[in-house]
Amino acid sequence: MLVDERGYYGQFGGAFIPEMLFPNVEELRTSYLSVMESESFKKEFDLLLKTFVGRPTPLYFASRLSDKYNAKVYLKREDLCHTGAHKVNNTVGQIILAKHLGKNKIIAETGAGQHGVATATVCALMGMECIVYMGQVDIERQKPNVERMRILGATVVPAMSGSMTLKDATNEAMRHWISNPTDTHYIIGSVVGPHPYPDMVARFQSVISKEIRSQLIEEQGNPYPDYVIACVGGGSNAAGAYYHFVEEEHVNLIAVEAAGKGVDTGESAATTVLGKPGVLHGSKTLLMQTADGQVIEPYSISAGLDYPGIGPMHAHLFDIGRVRFLNATDDEAMNAGIALSRLEGIIPAIESAHAIAALDKLAFDSDDVVVINLSGRGDKDLDTYIRYGNY
C-alpha cells in the first residue's frame, strides 16, 4: 500500500541508518516480501493467527454507543487477541520471518508494554532469547505488563535517557542491534523505523481491515464502512485498520492523536499539529522538534501514544489529506474510556479510549456505519484509571 521501491510514501519514509546497520536492514529489504509470500510462511502465519492469536476477532455492534451517537457503531475487538492487543499480529509474523532468516535472538522496544508482552510471548513460543527495552517511566506505570514479560522469560532493560519513555526505549534497542548484527532480529512494534519496517508491519496488521470487510458483508451486506476510526501513536493499529480502505475514497479514515494536557500546553503528543518533517529512528516523517531539529519530548497519559512522531505512511496520508487527524486530551480519553465501560461493559486500553473520544468530535447520519478499532484492553491501565478517578 502506497510505498515505492525505495521505501517512500510520497516525501516520507526511506532508510536513514548507520553504516553498521546496513547489512541487517538490507537483508530484511531484499528478503521480506519473498519470505512472506512463500507457502510455508503463509501456512504457519495463518495457522498461528487462528489457533494461537484467536483470529478472526469479533466485529461487535455497540448498540448503546450507537444509540448515544445516532449511528451504527461497531468495535473491532483487537482487545480480544491473545496478549490483549493487536500487537501480536505483527510479532507472530516477524518471529516467523526471523526464523526463516536464521536469527535466534530477538530484541524489541515497548511503551505501553503490549508490544513487549507480544514479543516475549512469541519468543517463548519459538524458544528464542528475548530482550525488551522499555523506558523507566513506562516501567513504573505499566508494571503488570513488565511482570508478564518477565514471567514469559524476557529480560526487560530500562531506558534511562531523555523522557525515559518509548522514544528512548527505541534508541536503546537500535544501539543493541548495531552491536549484535548477525544473530539478532529487531521486532519493531509499529509502522516506524527504516524501510522495510513500516511496510512490513502494516502488511502483518492488514488482517484487521481484511476481517472488517468480510464481517461487514455479513452484518450490512456491504464491505465498506462510512468511517474507520483508530488512535495513532506510531500507528500500527491504524495502519492495519485502514489498509484495505485507503484506495476507497468514500470511506472516511479518522486518526486520533494524544493531545495530552492540550496541544498548546507543551505537554502533548499531537504530531500532526505540532510537528514538521524530520528524521527519527531511521525514517523521514513528521516529528515534534525544535527550530534546530532537536526532538521535543512528547507527553500523554497513555504510555503507547507518547511518541514524538508518526509512521511515514501516516505522515503521507495526512500530507495528501486522505486521513483526517483529530486529537483527544487526557481528560477526553479517560472520560471516553469510562463511558465505554459503562455503556458496553468493555474497559478499553487508554490508547483505544482516544479513538472512542472521536465520537464526540464528529457528526454522523443515522445510517452511517462507524468502525472503531479497539486496539487493546484496559487491564494494563487499571492503576491509571484508579488514580484518575471520576467514576
Protein backbone atom coordinates (compact mmCIF):
# COMPACT_ATOMS: atom_id res chain seq x y z
CA MET A 1 0.00 0.00 0.00
CA LEU A 2 1.48 3.31 -1.21
CA VAL A 3 5.16 2.52 -0.57
CA ASP A 4 7.59 2.71 -3.50
CA GLU A 5 10.65 0.58 -4.18
CA ARG A 6 12.85 2.98 -2.16
CA GLY A 7 10.61 2.70 0.87
CA TYR A 8 8.95 6.10 0.49
CA TYR A 9 5.34 7.14 0.92
CA GLY A 10 5.38 10.37 -1.05
CA GLN A 11 8.07 12.51 0.62
CA PHE A 12 8.18 10.37 3.78
CA GLY A 13 9.97 7.11 4.59
CA GLY A 14 13.32 5.80 3.44
CA ALA A 15 16.10 4.21 5.48
CA PHE A 16 18.33 6.65 7.35
CA ILE A 17 20.60 4.25 9.20
CA PRO A 18 24.18 3.97 10.50
CA GLU A 19 26.56 2.03 8.26
CA MET A 20 26.73 -0.74 10.88
CA LEU A 21 23.02 -1.44 10.44
CA PHE A 22 23.06 -1.53 6.65
CA PRO A 23 23.59 -5.32 6.34
CA ASN A 24 20.68 -6.05 8.73
CA VAL A 25 18.26 -3.70 7.05
CA GLU A 26 19.33 -4.71 3.55
CA GLU A 27 18.86 -8.39 4.41
CA LEU A 28 15.32 -7.61 5.50
CA ARG A 29 14.60 -5.40 2.50
CA THR A 30 15.69 -8.00 -0.02
CA SER A 31 14.00 -10.91 1.77
CA TYR A 32 10.79 -9.87 3.48
CA LEU A 33 8.39 -9.97 0.54
CA SER A 34 9.64 -13.29 -0.86
CA VAL A 35 9.53 -14.92 2.58
CA MET A 36 6.06 -13.50 3.39
CA GLU A 37 4.70 -14.69 0.03
CA SER A 38 6.08 -18.23 0.38
CA GLU A 39 3.57 -21.00 1.01
CA SER A 40 5.40 -22.26 4.12
CA PHE A 41 5.29 -18.79 5.71
CA LYS A 42 1.64 -18.18 4.88
CA LYS A 43 0.63 -21.61 6.18
CA GLU A 44 2.39 -21.12 9.53
CA PHE A 45 1.27 -17.48 9.90
CA ASP A 46 -2.38 -18.21 9.15
CA LEU A 47 -2.42 -21.23 11.48
CA LEU A 48 -0.93 -19.28 14.40
CA LEU A 49 -3.29 -16.33 13.85
CA LYS A 50 -6.19 -18.77 14.09
CA THR A 51 -5.11 -21.15 16.86
CA PHE A 52 -2.71 -19.01 18.94
CA VAL A 53 -3.85 -15.41 18.50
CA GLY A 54 -7.56 -16.24 18.27
CA ARG A 55 -8.47 -14.68 14.94
CA PRO A 56 -10.77 -13.59 13.50
CA THR A 57 -11.55 -11.12 16.26
CA PRO A 58 -15.24 -10.14 16.53
CA LEU A 59 -16.78 -7.07 14.96
CA TYR A 60 -19.12 -6.09 17.77
CA PHE A 61 -22.20 -3.94 17.24
CA ALA A 62 -22.18 -1.49 20.16
CA SER A 63 -25.92 -0.87 20.50
CA ARG A 64 -25.87 1.56 23.42
CA LEU A 65 -22.98 3.53 21.93
CA SER A 66 -24.91 3.58 18.65
CA ASP A 67 -27.98 4.97 20.36
CA LYS A 68 -25.94 7.69 22.02
CA TYR A 69 -24.32 8.89 18.78
CA ASN A 70 -27.21 8.15 16.39
CA ALA A 71 -25.09 5.93 14.11
CA LYS A 72 -24.27 2.25 13.64
CA VAL A 73 -21.13 1.93 15.75
CA TYR A 74 -19.06 -1.25 15.58
CA LEU A 75 -15.98 -2.11 17.62
CA LYS A 76 -13.27 -4.25 16.05
CA ARG A 77 -12.28 -6.28 19.10
CA GLU A 78 -8.49 -6.43 18.87
CA ASP A 79 -8.57 -6.33 22.66
CA LEU A 80 -9.64 -9.99 22.49
CA CYS A 81 -6.42 -11.09 20.79
CA HIS A 82 -4.10 -13.29 22.84
CA THR A 83 -1.93 -10.90 24.94
CA GLY A 84 -4.68 -8.26 24.90
CA ALA A 85 -3.92 -6.11 21.86
CA HIS A 86 -3.32 -6.03 18.11
CA LYS A 87 0.45 -6.10 18.62
CA VAL A 88 0.62 -9.90 18.47
CA ASN A 89 -0.43 -9.95 14.80
CA ASN A 90 2.90 -8.33 13.96
CA THR A 91 5.09 -10.25 16.41
CA VAL A 92 3.82 -13.60 15.13
CA GLY A 93 4.69 -12.54 11.59
CA GLN A 94 8.11 -11.17 12.48
CA ILE A 95 9.16 -14.16 14.61
CA ILE A 96 8.40 -16.50 11.69
CA LEU A 97 10.35 -14.16 9.39
CA ALA A 98 13.28 -14.13 11.85
CA LYS A 99 13.27 -17.93 11.90
CA HIS A 100 13.38 -18.02 8.08
CA LEU A 101 16.36 -15.65 8.19
CA GLY A 102 18.24 -17.87 10.67
CA LYS A 103 18.07 -15.49 13.63
CA ASN A 104 17.92 -16.90 17.18
CA LYS A 105 17.84 -13.75 19.34
CA ILE A 106 15.14 -11.09 19.45
CA ILE A 107 15.13 -7.52 20.71
CA ALA A 108 12.19 -5.13 20.91
CA GLU A 109 11.11 -1.77 22.27
CA THR A 110 7.86 -1.12 24.07
CA GLY A 111 5.91 1.81 25.52
CA ALA A 112 2.60 0.61 26.92
CA GLY A 113 4.11 -2.84 27.26
CA GLN A 114 1.70 -4.60 24.90
CA HIS A 115 4.29 -4.99 22.15
CA GLY A 116 6.80 -6.17 24.72
CA VAL A 117 4.38 -8.78 26.02
CA ALA A 118 3.52 -9.85 22.47
CA THR A 119 7.23 -10.17 21.62
CA ALA A 120 8.01 -12.10 24.81
CA THR A 121 5.05 -14.36 24.05
CA VAL A 122 6.21 -15.35 20.56
CA CYS A 123 9.80 -15.75 21.74
CA ALA A 124 8.58 -18.22 24.35
CA LEU A 125 6.56 -19.94 21.65
CA MET A 126 9.60 -20.30 19.38
CA GLY A 127 12.23 -20.80 22.10
CA MET A 128 14.22 -17.65 21.27
CA GLU A 129 16.12 -15.33 23.61
CA CYS A 130 14.22 -12.07 24.17
CA ILE A 131 15.39 -8.65 25.38
CA VAL A 132 12.84 -5.83 25.65
CA TYR A 133 13.84 -2.18 26.11
CA MET A 134 11.32 -0.04 28.00
CA GLY A 135 11.53 3.48 29.35
CA GLN A 136 11.84 3.66 33.13
CA VAL A 137 8.74 5.90 33.33
CA ASP A 138 6.74 3.32 31.38
CA ILE A 139 8.09 0.50 33.55
CA GLU A 140 6.60 2.26 36.56
CA ARG A 141 3.19 2.95 35.02
CA GLN A 142 2.84 -0.40 33.23
CA LYS A 143 4.04 -2.79 35.95
CA PRO A 144 1.58 -5.62 35.14
CA ASN A 145 2.97 -5.86 31.61
CA VAL A 146 6.55 -5.75 32.88
CA GLU A 147 5.83 -8.75 35.11
CA ARG A 148 4.09 -10.57 32.25
CA MET A 149 7.21 -10.14 30.12
CA ARG A 150 9.43 -11.47 32.89
CA ILE A 151 7.16 -14.48 33.53
CA LEU A 152 7.40 -15.26 29.81
CA GLY A 153 11.19 -15.31 30.10
CA ALA A 154 12.12 -11.94 28.63
CA THR A 155 14.80 -9.64 30.01
CA VAL A 156 13.36 -6.14 30.50
CA VAL A 157 16.02 -3.42 30.24
CA PRO A 158 15.11 0.11 31.42
CA ALA A 159 15.90 3.10 29.21
CA MET A 160 17.13 5.87 31.49
CA SER A 161 17.80 8.67 28.99
CA GLY A 162 15.59 11.54 27.79
CA SER A 163 11.99 11.29 28.90
CA MET A 164 12.53 7.58 29.70
CA THR A 165 9.60 6.59 27.51
CA LEU A 166 9.04 4.95 24.10
CA LYS A 167 11.41 7.13 22.06
CA ASP A 168 14.27 6.36 24.42
CA ALA A 169 13.49 2.64 24.50
CA THR A 170 13.69 2.63 20.71
CA ASN A 171 17.06 4.38 20.82
CA GLU A 172 18.43 1.72 23.18
CA ALA A 173 17.08 -1.15 21.08
CA MET A 174 18.74 0.26 17.96
CA ARG A 175 22.06 0.61 19.83
CA HIS A 176 21.81 -3.05 20.85
CA TRP A 177 21.10 -4.09 17.25
CA ILE A 178 24.17 -2.22 15.99
CA SER A 179 26.31 -4.18 18.46
CA ASN A 180 24.71 -7.56 17.62
CA PRO A 181 24.08 -7.51 13.88
CA THR A 182 24.40 -11.15 12.82
CA ASP A 183 22.28 -13.33 15.12
CA THR A 184 19.66 -10.80 16.27
CA HIS A 185 16.39 -9.63 14.74
CA TYR A 186 14.78 -6.41 15.95
CA ILE A 187 10.99 -6.72 16.11
CA ILE A 188 9.85 -3.11 15.75
CA GLY A 189 6.36 -2.76 17.15
CA SER A 190 4.88 -0.04 14.98
CA VAL A 191 4.89 1.32 11.43
CA VAL A 192 8.05 3.32 12.18
CA GLY A 193 11.75 2.82 11.57
CA PRO A 194 13.74 2.33 8.37
CA HIS A 195 12.24 0.66 5.30
CA PRO A 196 11.06 -2.12 5.12
CA TYR A 197 9.66 -1.99 8.68
CA PRO A 198 6.73 0.40 8.09
CA ASP A 199 5.52 -1.61 5.10
CA MET A 200 6.20 -4.97 6.74
CA VAL A 201 4.34 -4.14 9.95
CA ALA A 202 1.41 -2.66 8.01
CA ARG A 203 1.15 -5.88 5.98
CA PHE A 204 1.06 -8.03 9.11
CA GLN A 205 -1.58 -5.77 10.67
CA SER A 206 -3.67 -5.61 7.49
CA VAL A 207 -5.52 -8.69 8.71
CA ILE A 208 -7.61 -6.22 10.75
CA SER A 209 -9.14 -4.42 7.77
CA LYS A 210 -9.36 -7.65 5.79
CA GLU A 211 -11.59 -9.07 8.51
CA ILE A 212 -13.59 -5.85 8.86
CA ARG A 213 -14.51 -6.06 5.17
CA SER A 214 -15.73 -9.65 5.34
CA GLN A 215 -17.52 -9.11 8.65
CA LEU A 216 -19.35 -6.03 7.35
CA ILE A 217 -20.61 -8.06 4.40
CA GLU A 218 -22.20 -10.42 6.93
CA GLU A 219 -23.54 -7.57 9.06
CA GLN A 220 -24.53 -4.97 6.46
CA GLY A 221 -24.24 -6.65 3.07
CA ASN A 222 -21.56 -4.09 2.19
CA PRO A 223 -17.80 -4.35 2.86
CA TYR A 224 -17.32 -0.59 3.19
CA PRO A 225 -17.96 1.39 6.37
CA ASP A 226 -18.56 5.12 6.25
CA TYR A 227 -15.91 5.75 8.90
CA VAL A 228 -12.89 3.89 10.28
CA ILE A 229 -11.51 5.42 13.48
CA ALA A 230 -8.23 4.48 15.18
CA CYS A 231 -5.78 6.01 17.63
CA VAL A 232 -2.30 6.87 16.33
CA GLY A 233 1.00 6.98 18.18
CA GLY A 234 3.42 5.32 15.81
CA GLY A 235 0.32 3.96 14.15
CA SER A 236 0.35 0.18 13.64
CA ASN A 237 -3.24 -0.45 14.69
CA ALA A 238 -4.43 2.39 12.46
CA ALA A 239 -2.35 1.09 9.54
CA GLY A 240 -4.00 -2.30 9.90
CA ALA A 241 -7.49 -0.85 10.20
CA TYR A 242 -7.03 1.45 7.16
CA TYR A 243 -5.05 -0.92 4.92
CA HIS A 244 -7.82 -2.27 2.69
CA PHE A 245 -9.74 1.02 2.65
CA VAL A 246 -7.08 3.56 1.66
CA GLU A 247 -7.93 3.31 -2.02
CA GLU A 248 -11.67 3.60 -1.28
CA GLU A 249 -12.13 7.37 -1.18
CA HIS A 250 -15.73 7.11 0.07
CA VAL A 251 -14.51 5.57 3.34
CA ASN A 252 -13.63 8.31 5.84
CA LEU A 253 -10.43 7.46 7.69
CA ILE A 254 -10.06 9.17 11.07
CA ALA A 255 -6.87 9.17 13.15
CA VAL A 256 -6.84 10.34 16.78
CA GLU A 257 -3.61 11.54 18.35
CA ALA A 258 -2.90 12.22 22.02
CA ALA A 259 -3.28 15.91 22.85
CA GLY A 260 -2.10 15.27 26.40
CA LYS A 261 -2.87 18.28 28.56
CA GLY A 262 -3.64 20.33 25.44
CA VAL A 263 -1.84 20.94 22.16
CA ASP A 264 -0.70 24.40 23.30
CA THR A 265 0.49 23.42 26.78
CA GLY A 266 3.89 21.97 25.89
CA GLU A 267 2.67 18.60 27.20
CA SER A 268 1.24 16.88 24.15
CA ALA A 269 1.92 14.22 21.52
CA ALA A 270 -0.22 15.66 18.70
CA THR A 271 2.39 15.29 15.98
CA THR A 272 0.33 16.49 13.01
CA VAL A 273 -0.46 19.73 14.85
CA LEU A 274 2.97 20.35 16.33
CA GLY A 275 5.38 18.52 14.04
CA LYS A 276 7.31 19.19 10.87
CA PRO A 277 9.34 16.91 8.55
CA GLY A 278 12.42 15.39 10.12
CA VAL A 279 14.27 12.10 10.59
CA LEU A 280 13.68 9.86 13.59
CA HIS A 281 14.57 6.21 14.18
CA GLY A 282 15.59 5.61 10.59
CA SER A 283 12.89 7.29 8.52
CA LYS A 284 11.78 10.72 7.39
CA THR A 285 8.42 11.58 8.88
CA LEU A 286 6.51 14.25 10.77
CA LEU A 287 8.29 14.90 14.02
CA MET A 288 7.87 17.19 17.02
CA GLN A 289 11.12 19.14 17.08
CA THR A 290 12.67 22.46 17.97
CA ALA A 291 13.75 25.05 15.40
CA ASP A 292 17.24 23.50 15.33
CA GLY A 293 15.93 19.93 14.93
CA GLN A 294 16.09 18.64 18.50
CA VAL A 295 13.30 16.21 19.40
CA ILE A 296 10.61 17.68 21.64
CA GLU A 297 9.70 15.28 24.42
CA PRO A 298 6.10 14.11 23.98
CA TYR A 299 3.55 13.67 26.73
CA SER A 300 0.37 11.62 27.07
CA ILE A 301 -1.39 9.85 29.90
CA SER A 302 -1.23 6.87 27.54
CA ALA A 303 2.10 5.04 27.54
CA GLY A 304 1.55 3.87 23.95
CA LEU A 305 0.84 7.26 22.37
CA ASP A 306 3.61 9.46 23.81
CA TYR A 307 5.82 9.20 20.73
CA PRO A 308 7.17 12.40 19.13
CA GLY A 309 6.42 11.29 15.57
CA ILE A 310 4.10 9.15 13.47
CA GLY A 311 4.90 6.46 10.95
CA PRO A 312 5.83 7.69 7.45
CA MET A 313 2.73 6.11 5.93
CA HIS A 314 0.54 8.17 8.25
CA ALA A 315 2.59 11.31 7.59
CA HIS A 316 1.91 10.83 3.88
CA LEU A 317 -1.80 10.14 4.36
CA PHE A 318 -2.02 13.32 6.42
CA ASP A 319 0.02 15.25 3.84
CA ILE A 320 -2.29 14.31 0.96
CA GLY A 321 -5.45 14.75 3.04
CA ARG A 322 -6.55 11.10 2.80
CA VAL A 323 -6.81 10.73 6.58
CA ARG A 324 -8.40 13.30 8.85
CA PHE A 325 -6.39 13.73 12.04
CA LEU A 326 -8.09 14.68 15.29
CA ASN A 327 -6.70 14.72 18.80
CA ALA A 328 -8.03 13.99 22.28
CA THR A 329 -6.77 15.30 25.61
CA ASP A 330 -6.05 13.10 28.61
CA ASP A 331 -9.37 14.10 30.14
CA GLU A 332 -11.32 13.41 26.94
CA ALA A 333 -9.73 10.00 26.52
CA MET A 334 -10.20 8.96 30.15
CA ASN A 335 -13.84 10.05 30.13
CA ALA A 336 -14.40 8.16 26.87
CA GLY A 337 -12.85 5.02 28.34
CA ILE A 338 -15.07 5.21 31.40
CA ALA A 339 -18.12 5.89 29.22
CA LEU A 340 -17.42 2.81 27.07
CA SER A 341 -17.02 0.74 30.21
CA ARG A 342 -20.41 1.87 31.49
CA LEU A 343 -22.27 1.68 28.18
CA GLU A 344 -20.92 -1.56 26.74
CA GLY A 345 -19.16 -3.42 29.57
CA ILE A 346 -15.76 -3.08 27.85
CA ILE A 347 -12.84 -1.38 29.61
CA PRO A 348 -10.54 -0.19 26.81
CA ALA A 349 -6.83 0.48 26.84
CA ILE A 350 -6.28 4.21 27.27
CA GLU A 351 -4.78 4.28 23.77
CA SER A 352 -8.04 2.92 22.36
CA ALA A 353 -10.06 5.32 24.51
CA HIS A 354 -8.59 8.17 22.44
CA ALA A 355 -10.32 6.67 19.39
CA ILE A 356 -13.61 6.41 21.31
CA ALA A 357 -13.27 10.11 22.20
CA ALA A 358 -13.50 10.98 18.50
CA LEU A 359 -17.23 10.16 18.57
CA ASP A 360 -17.81 13.46 20.37
CA LYS A 361 -15.94 15.34 17.64
CA LEU A 362 -17.79 14.03 14.59
CA ALA A 363 -21.34 14.41 13.26
CA PHE A 364 -22.99 11.29 11.85
CA ASP A 365 -26.07 10.44 9.83
CA SER A 366 -28.30 7.81 11.38
CA ASP A 367 -27.42 5.21 8.73
CA ASP A 368 -23.63 5.79 8.92
CA VAL A 369 -21.59 2.68 9.66
CA VAL A 370 -18.73 3.58 12.00
CA VAL A 371 -15.96 1.10 12.84
CA ILE A 372 -13.65 1.89 15.75
CA ASN A 373 -10.53 -0.22 16.10
CA LEU A 374 -10.47 -1.18 19.77
CA SER A 375 -6.75 -1.87 19.72
CA GLY A 376 -6.29 -3.12 23.29
CA ARG A 377 -7.94 -3.88 26.60
CA GLY A 378 -7.65 -1.84 29.76
CA ASP A 379 -6.24 -4.39 32.22
CA LYS A 380 -2.79 -2.84 31.93
CA ASP A 381 -4.21 0.63 32.67
CA LEU A 382 -6.27 -0.08 35.78
CA ASP A 383 -3.84 1.80 38.05
CA THR A 384 -4.16 4.87 35.80
CA TYR A 385 -7.94 4.60 35.75
CA ILE A 386 -7.95 4.30 39.55
CA ARG A 387 -5.65 7.30 40.02
CA TYR A 388 -7.71 9.33 37.57
CA GLY A 389 -10.98 8.56 39.38
CA ASN A 390 -14.07 10.42 38.15
CA TYR A 391 -16.25 7.32 38.08
